[in-house]
Amino acid sequence: MPNLKNAKKALRQAKKRAEENLVVKKAYKTALKEVNKAMDAGQKDVADLLKTAQKKLDKAAKKGVLKKNTASRKFSRLMAKVNTVAKKK
């Protein structure tokens, strides 16, 4: 437990930021899972789910929860998976 006043404040800030980051993190992970689930179920129209996933990843990168290249890599891999599933059909 911090003793100094500024250390106590830093702890409060860290907890608050961690909660905010967790919300953003859950949002993009859920969006990615929804796209994967839709592809596994064989849905043909996943375009709006992809758009949502990209929006969530970009927001996470903007807020610093993910690095820009990490978000880009995740979306790229997701698109590659969608395209391979689309080609098979």
N, C-alpha and C. Protein backbone atom coordinates (compact mmCIF):
# COMPACT_ATOMS: atom_id res chain seq x y z
N MET A 1 0.86 -1.18 0.00
CA MET A 1 0.00 0.00 0.00
C MET A 1 0.90 1.24 0.00
N PRO A 2 0.61 2.17 -0.90
CA PRO A 2 1.46 3.37 -0.98
C PRO A 2 1.28 4.28 0.23
N ASN A 3 2.37 4.92 0.60
CA ASN A 3 2.33 5.84 1.73
C ASN A 3 2.24 7.29 1.29
N LEU A 4 2.93 7.62 0.21
CA LEU A 4 2.95 9.00 -0.25
C LEU A 4 1.65 9.37 -0.96
N LYS A 5 1.33 10.65 -0.86
CA LYS A 5 0.09 11.14 -1.45
C LYS A 5 0.07 10.93 -2.96
N ASN A 6 1.19 11.23 -3.62
CA ASN A 6 1.22 11.08 -5.07
C ASN A 6 1.18 9.61 -5.49
N ALA A 7 1.72 8.73 -4.67
CA ALA A 7 1.67 7.30 -4.97
C ALA A 7 0.25 6.77 -4.83
N LYS A 8 -0.50 7.28 -3.85
CA LYS A 8 -1.90 6.89 -3.68
C LYS A 8 -2.72 7.32 -4.89
N LYS A 9 -2.46 8.55 -5.35
CA LYS A 9 -3.17 9.05 -6.52
C LYS A 9 -2.81 8.23 -7.76
N ALA A 10 -1.54 7.89 -7.90
CA ALA A 10 -1.11 7.09 -9.05
C ALA A 10 -1.80 5.72 -9.05
N LEU A 11 -1.98 5.15 -7.87
CA LEU A 11 -2.65 3.87 -7.74
C LEU A 11 -4.12 3.99 -8.16
N ARG A 12 -4.77 5.07 -7.72
CA ARG A 12 -6.17 5.30 -8.12
C ARG A 12 -6.29 5.45 -9.63
N GLN A 13 -5.36 6.21 -10.20
CA GLN A 13 -5.39 6.42 -11.65
C GLN A 13 -5.16 5.11 -12.41
N ALA A 14 -4.22 4.32 -11.92
CA ALA A 14 -3.91 3.06 -12.58
C ALA A 14 -5.11 2.12 -12.57
N LYS A 15 -5.82 2.07 -11.44
CA LYS A 15 -7.01 1.21 -11.35
C LYS A 15 -8.09 1.67 -12.32
N LYS A 16 -8.29 2.98 -12.36
CA LYS A 16 -9.32 3.55 -13.25
C LYS A 16 -8.98 3.27 -14.71
N ARG A 17 -7.72 3.46 -15.09
CA ARG A 17 -7.31 3.22 -16.47
C ARG A 17 -7.41 1.74 -16.83
N ALA A 18 -7.08 0.88 -15.87
CA ALA A 18 -7.16 -0.56 -16.11
C ALA A 18 -8.60 -0.98 -16.40
N GLU A 19 -9.55 -0.40 -15.67
CA GLU A 19 -10.97 -0.71 -15.90
C GLU A 19 -11.41 -0.24 -17.28
N GLU A 20 -10.99 0.96 -17.66
CA GLU A 20 -11.36 1.50 -18.97
C GLU A 20 -10.74 0.66 -20.08
N ASN A 21 -9.49 0.24 -19.89
CA ASN A 21 -8.82 -0.58 -20.89
C ASN A 21 -9.49 -1.94 -21.03
N LEU A 22 -9.98 -2.47 -19.92
CA LEU A 22 -10.64 -3.77 -19.94
C LEU A 22 -11.91 -3.72 -20.77
N VAL A 23 -12.65 -2.62 -20.69
CA VAL A 23 -13.87 -2.46 -21.47
C VAL A 23 -13.55 -2.49 -22.96
N VAL A 24 -12.51 -1.75 -23.35
CA VAL A 24 -12.11 -1.69 -24.76
C VAL A 24 -11.60 -3.05 -25.22
N LYS A 25 -10.84 -3.71 -24.36
CA LYS A 25 -10.27 -5.01 -24.70
C LYS A 25 -11.37 -6.05 -24.91
N LYS A 26 -12.35 -6.06 -24.03
CA LYS A 26 -13.47 -6.99 -24.17
C LYS A 26 -14.25 -6.73 -25.45
N ALA A 27 -14.39 -5.44 -25.80
CA ALA A 27 -15.16 -5.07 -26.98
C ALA A 27 -14.52 -5.64 -28.25
N TYR A 28 -13.19 -5.48 -28.41
CA TYR A 28 -12.59 -5.98 -29.65
C TYR A 28 -12.50 -7.49 -29.65
N LYS A 29 -12.28 -8.10 -28.50
CA LYS A 29 -12.21 -9.55 -28.46
C LYS A 29 -13.57 -10.17 -28.79
N THR A 30 -14.63 -9.57 -28.27
CA THR A 30 -15.98 -10.04 -28.56
C THR A 30 -16.29 -9.90 -30.04
N ALA A 31 -15.90 -8.78 -30.63
CA ALA A 31 -16.14 -8.56 -32.05
C ALA A 31 -15.42 -9.60 -32.90
N LEU A 32 -14.17 -9.92 -32.54
CA LEU A 32 -13.42 -10.93 -33.28
C LEU A 32 -14.07 -12.31 -33.14
N LYS A 33 -14.55 -12.63 -31.94
CA LYS A 33 -15.19 -13.92 -31.72
C LYS A 33 -16.49 -14.03 -32.52
N GLU A 34 -17.23 -12.93 -32.63
CA GLU A 34 -18.48 -12.95 -33.37
C GLU A 34 -18.22 -13.24 -34.85
N VAL A 35 -17.17 -12.64 -35.40
CA VAL A 35 -16.84 -12.90 -36.81
C VAL A 35 -16.45 -14.36 -36.99
N ASN A 36 -15.60 -14.87 -36.10
CA ASN A 36 -15.18 -16.27 -36.20
C ASN A 36 -16.37 -17.23 -36.06
N LYS A 37 -17.27 -16.91 -35.15
CA LYS A 37 -18.44 -17.75 -34.94
C LYS A 37 -19.34 -17.73 -36.17
N ALA A 38 -19.50 -16.56 -36.78
CA ALA A 38 -20.32 -16.44 -37.98
C ALA A 38 -19.72 -17.24 -39.13
N MET A 39 -18.39 -17.21 -39.25
CA MET A 39 -17.73 -17.98 -40.32
C MET A 39 -17.87 -19.48 -40.09
N ASP A 40 -17.74 -19.89 -38.84
CA ASP A 40 -17.87 -21.31 -38.52
C ASP A 40 -19.30 -21.81 -38.76
N ALA A 41 -20.27 -20.93 -38.54
CA ALA A 41 -21.67 -21.29 -38.76
C ALA A 41 -22.02 -21.29 -40.24
N GLY A 42 -21.14 -20.72 -41.07
CA GLY A 42 -21.36 -20.72 -42.50
C GLY A 42 -22.17 -19.55 -43.01
N GLN A 43 -22.27 -18.50 -42.22
CA GLN A 43 -22.98 -17.31 -42.69
C GLN A 43 -22.19 -16.67 -43.82
N LYS A 44 -22.92 -16.23 -44.84
CA LYS A 44 -22.25 -15.63 -45.99
C LYS A 44 -22.00 -14.15 -45.79
N ASP A 45 -22.89 -13.48 -45.09
CA ASP A 45 -22.76 -12.03 -44.95
C ASP A 45 -22.12 -11.68 -43.60
N VAL A 46 -20.81 -11.57 -43.61
CA VAL A 46 -20.09 -11.19 -42.40
C VAL A 46 -19.48 -9.79 -42.54
N ALA A 47 -19.90 -9.08 -43.59
CA ALA A 47 -19.30 -7.77 -43.88
C ALA A 47 -19.54 -6.78 -42.75
N ASP A 48 -20.76 -6.74 -42.22
CA ASP A 48 -21.04 -5.78 -41.14
C ASP A 48 -20.33 -6.17 -39.85
N LEU A 49 -20.17 -7.48 -39.62
CA LEU A 49 -19.41 -7.92 -38.45
C LEU A 49 -17.93 -7.56 -38.59
N LEU A 50 -17.42 -7.68 -39.81
CA LEU A 50 -16.02 -7.30 -40.07
C LEU A 50 -15.81 -5.82 -39.85
N LYS A 51 -16.77 -5.04 -40.30
CA LYS A 51 -16.69 -3.59 -40.14
C LYS A 51 -16.66 -3.22 -38.65
N THR A 52 -17.50 -3.88 -37.87
CA THR A 52 -17.53 -3.64 -36.43
C THR A 52 -16.21 -4.05 -35.79
N ALA A 53 -15.68 -5.19 -36.20
CA ALA A 53 -14.42 -5.68 -35.64
C ALA A 53 -13.29 -4.71 -35.95
N GLN A 54 -13.26 -4.20 -37.18
CA GLN A 54 -12.21 -3.25 -37.54
C GLN A 54 -12.34 -1.96 -36.73
N LYS A 55 -13.57 -1.53 -36.52
CA LYS A 55 -13.80 -0.31 -35.75
C LYS A 55 -13.32 -0.49 -34.31
N LYS A 56 -13.62 -1.65 -33.73
CA LYS A 56 -13.21 -1.91 -32.34
C LYS A 56 -11.69 -2.02 -32.23
N LEU A 57 -11.05 -2.66 -33.21
CA LEU A 57 -9.59 -2.77 -33.19
C LEU A 57 -8.94 -1.40 -33.34
N ASP A 58 -9.47 -0.59 -34.25
CA ASP A 58 -8.92 0.75 -34.44
C ASP A 58 -9.07 1.61 -33.20
N LYS A 59 -10.20 1.48 -32.54
CA LYS A 59 -10.43 2.25 -31.32
C LYS A 59 -9.47 1.81 -30.22
N ALA A 60 -9.24 0.50 -30.12
CA ALA A 60 -8.29 -0.01 -29.12
C ALA A 60 -6.89 0.51 -29.40
N ALA A 61 -6.52 0.57 -30.67
CA ALA A 61 -5.19 1.09 -31.04
C ALA A 61 -5.11 2.58 -30.73
N LYS A 62 -6.17 3.29 -31.01
CA LYS A 62 -6.18 4.73 -30.77
C LYS A 62 -6.05 5.05 -29.28
N LYS A 63 -6.69 4.23 -28.45
CA LYS A 63 -6.66 4.47 -27.01
C LYS A 63 -5.41 3.92 -26.35
N GLY A 64 -4.60 3.18 -27.11
CA GLY A 64 -3.36 2.66 -26.56
C GLY A 64 -3.48 1.31 -25.89
N VAL A 65 -4.63 0.68 -26.01
CA VAL A 65 -4.80 -0.65 -25.43
C VAL A 65 -4.01 -1.66 -26.26
N LEU A 66 -4.01 -1.46 -27.57
CA LEU A 66 -3.21 -2.26 -28.50
C LEU A 66 -2.28 -1.33 -29.26
N LYS A 67 -1.16 -1.88 -29.71
CA LYS A 67 -0.32 -1.09 -30.60
C LYS A 67 -0.96 -1.10 -31.98
N LYS A 68 -0.64 -0.09 -32.76
CA LYS A 68 -1.23 0.06 -34.09
C LYS A 68 -0.96 -1.15 -34.97
N ASN A 69 0.28 -1.62 -34.97
CA ASN A 69 0.63 -2.77 -35.81
C ASN A 69 -0.03 -4.06 -35.33
N THR A 70 -0.24 -4.18 -34.03
CA THR A 70 -0.90 -5.36 -33.49
C THR A 70 -2.35 -5.40 -33.96
N ALA A 71 -3.02 -4.26 -33.90
CA ALA A 71 -4.41 -4.19 -34.36
C ALA A 71 -4.48 -4.50 -35.85
N SER A 72 -3.54 -3.96 -36.60
CA SER A 72 -3.49 -4.19 -38.03
C SER A 72 -3.25 -5.67 -38.33
N ARG A 73 -2.36 -6.29 -37.60
CA ARG A 73 -2.05 -7.71 -37.80
C ARG A 73 -3.27 -8.58 -37.51
N LYS A 74 -3.97 -8.28 -36.40
CA LYS A 74 -5.15 -9.06 -36.04
C LYS A 74 -6.22 -8.96 -37.12
N PHE A 75 -6.43 -7.75 -37.64
CA PHE A 75 -7.44 -7.58 -38.66
C PHE A 75 -7.02 -8.24 -39.97
N SER A 76 -5.74 -8.16 -40.28
CA SER A 76 -5.23 -8.78 -41.50
C SER A 76 -5.43 -10.29 -41.46
N ARG A 77 -5.13 -10.90 -40.35
CA ARG A 77 -5.30 -12.34 -40.21
C ARG A 77 -6.76 -12.74 -40.28
N LEU A 78 -7.61 -11.90 -39.70
CA LEU A 78 -9.05 -12.15 -39.74
C LEU A 78 -9.55 -12.10 -41.18
N MET A 79 -9.10 -11.09 -41.93
CA MET A 79 -9.51 -10.95 -43.33
C MET A 79 -9.00 -12.12 -44.17
N ALA A 80 -7.79 -12.56 -43.90
CA ALA A 80 -7.23 -13.69 -44.63
C ALA A 80 -8.08 -14.94 -44.38
N LYS A 81 -8.50 -15.12 -43.15
CA LYS A 81 -9.34 -16.27 -42.81
C LYS A 81 -10.70 -16.19 -43.50
N VAL A 82 -11.27 -14.99 -43.50
CA VAL A 82 -12.57 -14.79 -44.16
C VAL A 82 -12.44 -15.08 -45.65
N ASN A 83 -11.36 -14.59 -46.26
CA ASN A 83 -11.18 -14.79 -47.69
C ASN A 83 -10.96 -16.25 -48.05
N THR A 84 -10.24 -16.99 -47.23
CA THR A 84 -10.02 -18.41 -47.53
C THR A 84 -11.33 -19.19 -47.39
N VAL A 85 -12.14 -18.83 -46.41
CA VAL A 85 -13.44 -19.50 -46.23
C VAL A 85 -14.35 -19.15 -47.41
N ALA A 86 -14.30 -17.91 -47.87
CA ALA A 86 -15.13 -17.49 -49.00
C ALA A 86 -14.71 -18.20 -50.29
N LYS A 87 -13.42 -18.44 -50.48
CA LYS A 87 -12.94 -19.11 -51.69
C LYS A 87 -13.36 -20.57 -51.72
N LYS A 88 -13.42 -21.20 -50.55
CA LYS A 88 -13.78 -22.61 -50.48
C LYS A 88 -15.23 -22.84 -50.86
N LYS A 89 -16.05 -21.84 -50.68
CA LYS A 89 -17.49 -22.01 -50.96
C LYS A 89 -17.82 -21.75 -52.39
